[in-house]
Amino acid sequence: MKYEYDKIKNEFLKTERNVCSEEILDEIQKGKFLILDHPDKNKYPDQIIILVLINDYVYAVPSKVHEYKIVLTTVYQSRKFNKLYADKLRGEL
């Protein structure tokens, strides 16, 4: 599967959230991620949430699924997902 992201948005993520799409893709390539259905399938029918652990914290990555690619739309820290999935992403379950 091919992954894409917006270069301008990536610069924003680097300066404002201290994370970048390249870090997300590194974790995905290592196989250290979880995929969840988007909780609001009616509003976002073509989206999934990819969860990755960076610096011991869970980041949520809403992503649009296309036929041959996944487009990363944004990245944010999630307390909710950290509480629910951090141990699983660390491999402690």
N, C-alpha and C. Protein backbone atom coordinates (compact mmCIF):
# COMPACT_ATOMS: atom_id res chain seq x y z
N MET A 1 0.85 -1.17 0.00
CA MET A 1 0.00 0.00 0.00
C MET A 1 0.90 1.24 0.00
N LYS A 2 0.50 2.22 -0.75
CA LYS A 2 1.24 3.47 -0.85
C LYS A 2 0.64 4.49 0.12
N TYR A 3 1.50 5.26 0.77
CA TYR A 3 1.06 6.31 1.69
C TYR A 3 1.47 7.67 1.16
N GLU A 4 0.57 8.65 1.34
CA GLU A 4 0.85 10.02 0.91
C GLU A 4 0.46 10.98 2.03
N TYR A 5 1.05 12.17 1.98
CA TYR A 5 0.70 13.23 2.92
C TYR A 5 1.01 14.58 2.28
N ASP A 6 0.38 15.61 2.81
CA ASP A 6 0.56 16.97 2.32
C ASP A 6 1.85 17.55 2.91
N LYS A 7 2.74 18.00 2.06
CA LYS A 7 4.05 18.53 2.50
C LYS A 7 3.89 19.79 3.36
N ILE A 8 2.96 20.66 3.00
CA ILE A 8 2.74 21.89 3.76
C ILE A 8 2.18 21.55 5.14
N LYS A 9 1.22 20.64 5.20
CA LYS A 9 0.66 20.21 6.47
C LYS A 9 1.75 19.57 7.33
N ASN A 10 2.66 18.83 6.70
CA ASN A 10 3.74 18.19 7.42
C ASN A 10 4.65 19.23 8.10
N GLU A 11 4.92 20.33 7.43
CA GLU A 11 5.72 21.39 8.03
C GLU A 11 5.01 22.00 9.25
N PHE A 12 3.70 22.17 9.13
CA PHE A 12 2.90 22.64 10.27
C PHE A 12 3.02 21.66 11.44
N LEU A 13 2.89 20.37 11.16
CA LEU A 13 2.98 19.36 12.21
C LEU A 13 4.34 19.39 12.90
N LYS A 14 5.40 19.59 12.12
CA LYS A 14 6.75 19.66 12.70
C LYS A 14 6.88 20.84 13.65
N THR A 15 6.40 22.01 13.25
CA THR A 15 6.59 23.21 14.06
C THR A 15 5.59 23.31 15.21
N GLU A 16 4.36 22.90 14.99
CA GLU A 16 3.32 23.09 16.01
C GLU A 16 3.13 21.89 16.93
N ARG A 17 3.37 20.68 16.44
CA ARG A 17 3.09 19.48 17.24
C ARG A 17 4.31 18.60 17.48
N ASN A 18 5.46 19.03 16.98
CA ASN A 18 6.71 18.29 17.19
C ASN A 18 6.64 16.83 16.75
N VAL A 19 5.95 16.60 15.67
CA VAL A 19 5.85 15.26 15.07
C VAL A 19 5.74 15.48 13.57
N CYS A 20 6.11 14.49 12.79
CA CYS A 20 6.00 14.64 11.35
C CYS A 20 5.51 13.34 10.71
N SER A 21 5.06 13.47 9.51
CA SER A 21 4.52 12.32 8.78
C SER A 21 5.58 11.24 8.56
N GLU A 22 6.83 11.64 8.41
CA GLU A 22 7.90 10.66 8.22
C GLU A 22 8.03 9.74 9.43
N GLU A 23 7.88 10.31 10.64
CA GLU A 23 7.92 9.48 11.85
C GLU A 23 6.78 8.48 11.87
N ILE A 24 5.61 8.93 11.45
CA ILE A 24 4.44 8.05 11.39
C ILE A 24 4.71 6.91 10.41
N LEU A 25 5.22 7.26 9.23
CA LEU A 25 5.49 6.23 8.22
C LEU A 25 6.57 5.26 8.67
N ASP A 26 7.56 5.73 9.43
CA ASP A 26 8.58 4.84 9.98
C ASP A 26 7.95 3.78 10.87
N GLU A 27 7.04 4.20 11.74
CA GLU A 27 6.38 3.25 12.65
C GLU A 27 5.49 2.28 11.88
N ILE A 28 4.83 2.78 10.85
CA ILE A 28 3.99 1.91 10.02
C ILE A 28 4.85 0.87 9.32
N GLN A 29 5.98 1.29 8.77
CA GLN A 29 6.87 0.35 8.08
C GLN A 29 7.45 -0.69 9.02
N LYS A 30 7.63 -0.33 10.29
CA LYS A 30 8.11 -1.29 11.29
C LYS A 30 7.01 -2.24 11.74
N GLY A 31 5.77 -1.96 11.34
CA GLY A 31 4.64 -2.78 11.74
C GLY A 31 4.10 -2.44 13.12
N LYS A 32 4.49 -1.29 13.63
CA LYS A 32 4.08 -0.88 14.98
C LYS A 32 2.93 0.11 14.90
N PHE A 33 1.77 -0.38 14.54
CA PHE A 33 0.60 0.48 14.43
C PHE A 33 -0.67 -0.35 14.57
N LEU A 34 -1.76 0.34 14.84
CA LEU A 34 -3.09 -0.26 14.87
C LEU A 34 -3.98 0.54 13.94
N ILE A 35 -4.95 -0.12 13.34
CA ILE A 35 -5.92 0.57 12.48
C ILE A 35 -7.30 0.40 13.09
N LEU A 36 -8.00 1.51 13.24
CA LEU A 36 -9.37 1.51 13.75
C LEU A 36 -10.29 2.11 12.70
N ASP A 37 -11.54 1.68 12.71
CA ASP A 37 -12.53 2.36 11.90
C ASP A 37 -12.74 3.75 12.48
N HIS A 38 -13.03 4.70 11.63
CA HIS A 38 -13.33 6.04 12.14
C HIS A 38 -14.61 5.95 12.96
N PRO A 39 -14.65 6.55 14.14
CA PRO A 39 -15.84 6.44 14.99
C PRO A 39 -17.10 7.06 14.39
N ASP A 40 -16.96 8.01 13.47
CA ASP A 40 -18.12 8.62 12.83
C ASP A 40 -18.15 8.24 11.35
N LYS A 41 -18.54 6.99 11.10
CA LYS A 41 -18.55 6.47 9.71
C LYS A 41 -19.55 7.22 8.81
N ASN A 42 -20.60 7.79 9.41
CA ASN A 42 -21.56 8.54 8.59
C ASN A 42 -20.94 9.80 8.01
N LYS A 43 -20.16 10.51 8.83
CA LYS A 43 -19.55 11.75 8.39
C LYS A 43 -18.25 11.51 7.61
N TYR A 44 -17.52 10.44 7.97
CA TYR A 44 -16.23 10.14 7.35
C TYR A 44 -16.21 8.68 6.86
N PRO A 45 -16.99 8.37 5.86
CA PRO A 45 -17.11 6.96 5.43
C PRO A 45 -15.83 6.36 4.84
N ASP A 46 -14.95 7.19 4.33
CA ASP A 46 -13.74 6.68 3.68
C ASP A 46 -12.50 6.85 4.55
N GLN A 47 -12.70 7.07 5.87
CA GLN A 47 -11.54 7.30 6.74
C GLN A 47 -11.34 6.18 7.76
N ILE A 48 -10.07 6.02 8.11
CA ILE A 48 -9.68 5.14 9.20
C ILE A 48 -8.83 5.97 10.17
N ILE A 49 -8.58 5.44 11.34
CA ILE A 49 -7.66 6.06 12.28
C ILE A 49 -6.49 5.10 12.46
N ILE A 50 -5.29 5.56 12.16
CA ILE A 50 -4.08 4.78 12.39
C ILE A 50 -3.48 5.27 13.70
N LEU A 51 -3.16 4.33 14.59
CA LEU A 51 -2.55 4.68 15.87
C LEU A 51 -1.10 4.23 15.88
N VAL A 52 -0.22 5.13 16.28
CA VAL A 52 1.20 4.80 16.42
C VAL A 52 1.71 5.33 17.75
N LEU A 53 2.76 4.72 18.27
CA LEU A 53 3.37 5.14 19.52
C LEU A 53 4.67 5.85 19.21
N ILE A 54 4.74 7.13 19.57
CA ILE A 54 5.95 7.93 19.36
C ILE A 54 6.30 8.60 20.68
N ASN A 55 7.55 8.45 21.10
CA ASN A 55 8.00 9.01 22.39
C ASN A 55 7.07 8.59 23.53
N ASP A 56 6.67 7.31 23.48
CA ASP A 56 5.85 6.69 24.52
C ASP A 56 4.46 7.31 24.66
N TYR A 57 3.93 7.87 23.58
CA TYR A 57 2.58 8.42 23.59
C TYR A 57 1.88 8.05 22.29
N VAL A 58 0.58 7.78 22.39
CA VAL A 58 -0.19 7.37 21.21
C VAL A 58 -0.61 8.60 20.40
N TYR A 59 -0.31 8.54 19.12
CA TYR A 59 -0.75 9.55 18.17
C TYR A 59 -1.81 8.94 17.27
N ALA A 60 -2.86 9.71 17.03
CA ALA A 60 -3.93 9.31 16.12
C ALA A 60 -3.68 9.97 14.77
N VAL A 61 -3.85 9.19 13.72
CA VAL A 61 -3.60 9.68 12.36
C VAL A 61 -4.83 9.38 11.51
N PRO A 62 -5.81 10.31 11.47
CA PRO A 62 -6.94 10.11 10.57
C PRO A 62 -6.42 10.06 9.13
N SER A 63 -6.91 9.09 8.38
CA SER A 63 -6.39 8.87 7.03
C SER A 63 -7.52 8.48 6.08
N LYS A 64 -7.43 8.98 4.86
CA LYS A 64 -8.42 8.63 3.84
C LYS A 64 -7.92 7.43 3.05
N VAL A 65 -8.81 6.47 2.86
CA VAL A 65 -8.46 5.26 2.13
C VAL A 65 -8.96 5.38 0.70
N HIS A 66 -8.03 5.23 -0.22
CA HIS A 66 -8.35 5.19 -1.63
C HIS A 66 -8.02 3.79 -2.15
N GLU A 67 -8.31 3.52 -3.37
CA GLU A 67 -8.14 2.17 -3.90
C GLU A 67 -6.71 1.66 -3.77
N TYR A 68 -5.72 2.48 -4.10
CA TYR A 68 -4.32 2.03 -4.07
C TYR A 68 -3.42 2.84 -3.15
N LYS A 69 -4.01 3.70 -2.32
CA LYS A 69 -3.18 4.51 -1.44
C LYS A 69 -3.97 4.92 -0.20
N ILE A 70 -3.22 5.31 0.82
CA ILE A 70 -3.79 5.88 2.03
C ILE A 70 -3.17 7.27 2.20
N VAL A 71 -4.02 8.26 2.38
CA VAL A 71 -3.55 9.64 2.53
C VAL A 71 -3.68 10.04 4.00
N LEU A 72 -2.54 10.35 4.62
CA LEU A 72 -2.53 10.81 6.00
C LEU A 72 -3.03 12.25 6.03
N THR A 73 -4.10 12.52 6.79
CA THR A 73 -4.67 13.86 6.77
C THR A 73 -4.12 14.76 7.87
N THR A 74 -3.90 14.22 9.06
CA THR A 74 -3.31 14.99 10.15
C THR A 74 -2.77 14.04 11.19
N VAL A 75 -2.15 14.57 12.23
CA VAL A 75 -1.59 13.77 13.33
C VAL A 75 -1.82 14.54 14.62
N TYR A 76 -2.31 13.85 15.64
CA TYR A 76 -2.48 14.50 16.94
C TYR A 76 -2.32 13.49 18.07
N GLN A 77 -1.88 13.98 19.23
CA GLN A 77 -1.82 13.14 20.42
C GLN A 77 -3.23 12.91 20.92
N SER A 78 -3.47 11.69 21.42
CA SER A 78 -4.81 11.38 21.89
C SER A 78 -4.75 10.75 23.29
N ARG A 79 -5.26 11.46 24.28
CA ARG A 79 -5.31 10.90 25.64
C ARG A 79 -6.20 9.66 25.67
N LYS A 80 -7.32 9.73 24.97
CA LYS A 80 -8.26 8.60 24.95
C LYS A 80 -7.58 7.36 24.38
N PHE A 81 -6.98 7.48 23.22
CA PHE A 81 -6.34 6.32 22.60
C PHE A 81 -5.08 5.90 23.36
N ASN A 82 -4.40 6.86 24.00
CA ASN A 82 -3.23 6.52 24.80
C ASN A 82 -3.64 5.60 25.96
N LYS A 83 -4.73 5.97 26.61
CA LYS A 83 -5.22 5.17 27.74
C LYS A 83 -5.65 3.77 27.28
N LEU A 84 -6.29 3.70 26.12
CA LEU A 84 -6.83 2.43 25.64
C LEU A 84 -5.81 1.53 24.94
N TYR A 85 -4.84 2.11 24.23
CA TYR A 85 -4.00 1.31 23.33
C TYR A 85 -2.50 1.40 23.55
N ALA A 86 -2.02 2.23 24.47
CA ALA A 86 -0.57 2.38 24.64
C ALA A 86 0.11 1.05 24.98
N ASP A 87 -0.46 0.30 25.92
CA ASP A 87 0.15 -0.98 26.29
C ASP A 87 0.18 -1.95 25.11
N LYS A 88 -0.86 -1.97 24.35
CA LYS A 88 -0.92 -2.86 23.18
C LYS A 88 0.15 -2.47 22.15
N LEU A 89 0.31 -1.17 21.92
CA LEU A 89 1.33 -0.72 20.96
C LEU A 89 2.74 -0.94 21.48
N ARG A 90 2.91 -0.94 22.80
CA ARG A 90 4.22 -1.24 23.38
C ARG A 90 4.52 -2.74 23.34
N GLY A 91 3.50 -3.54 23.07
CA GLY A 91 3.69 -4.98 23.06
C GLY A 91 3.57 -5.60 24.44
N GLU A 92 2.91 -4.90 25.36
CA GLU A 92 2.81 -5.37 26.73
C GLU A 92 1.54 -6.17 27.01
N LEU A 93 0.73 -6.40 26.02
CA LEU A 93 -0.50 -7.19 26.23
C LEU A 93 -0.37 -8.55 25.57
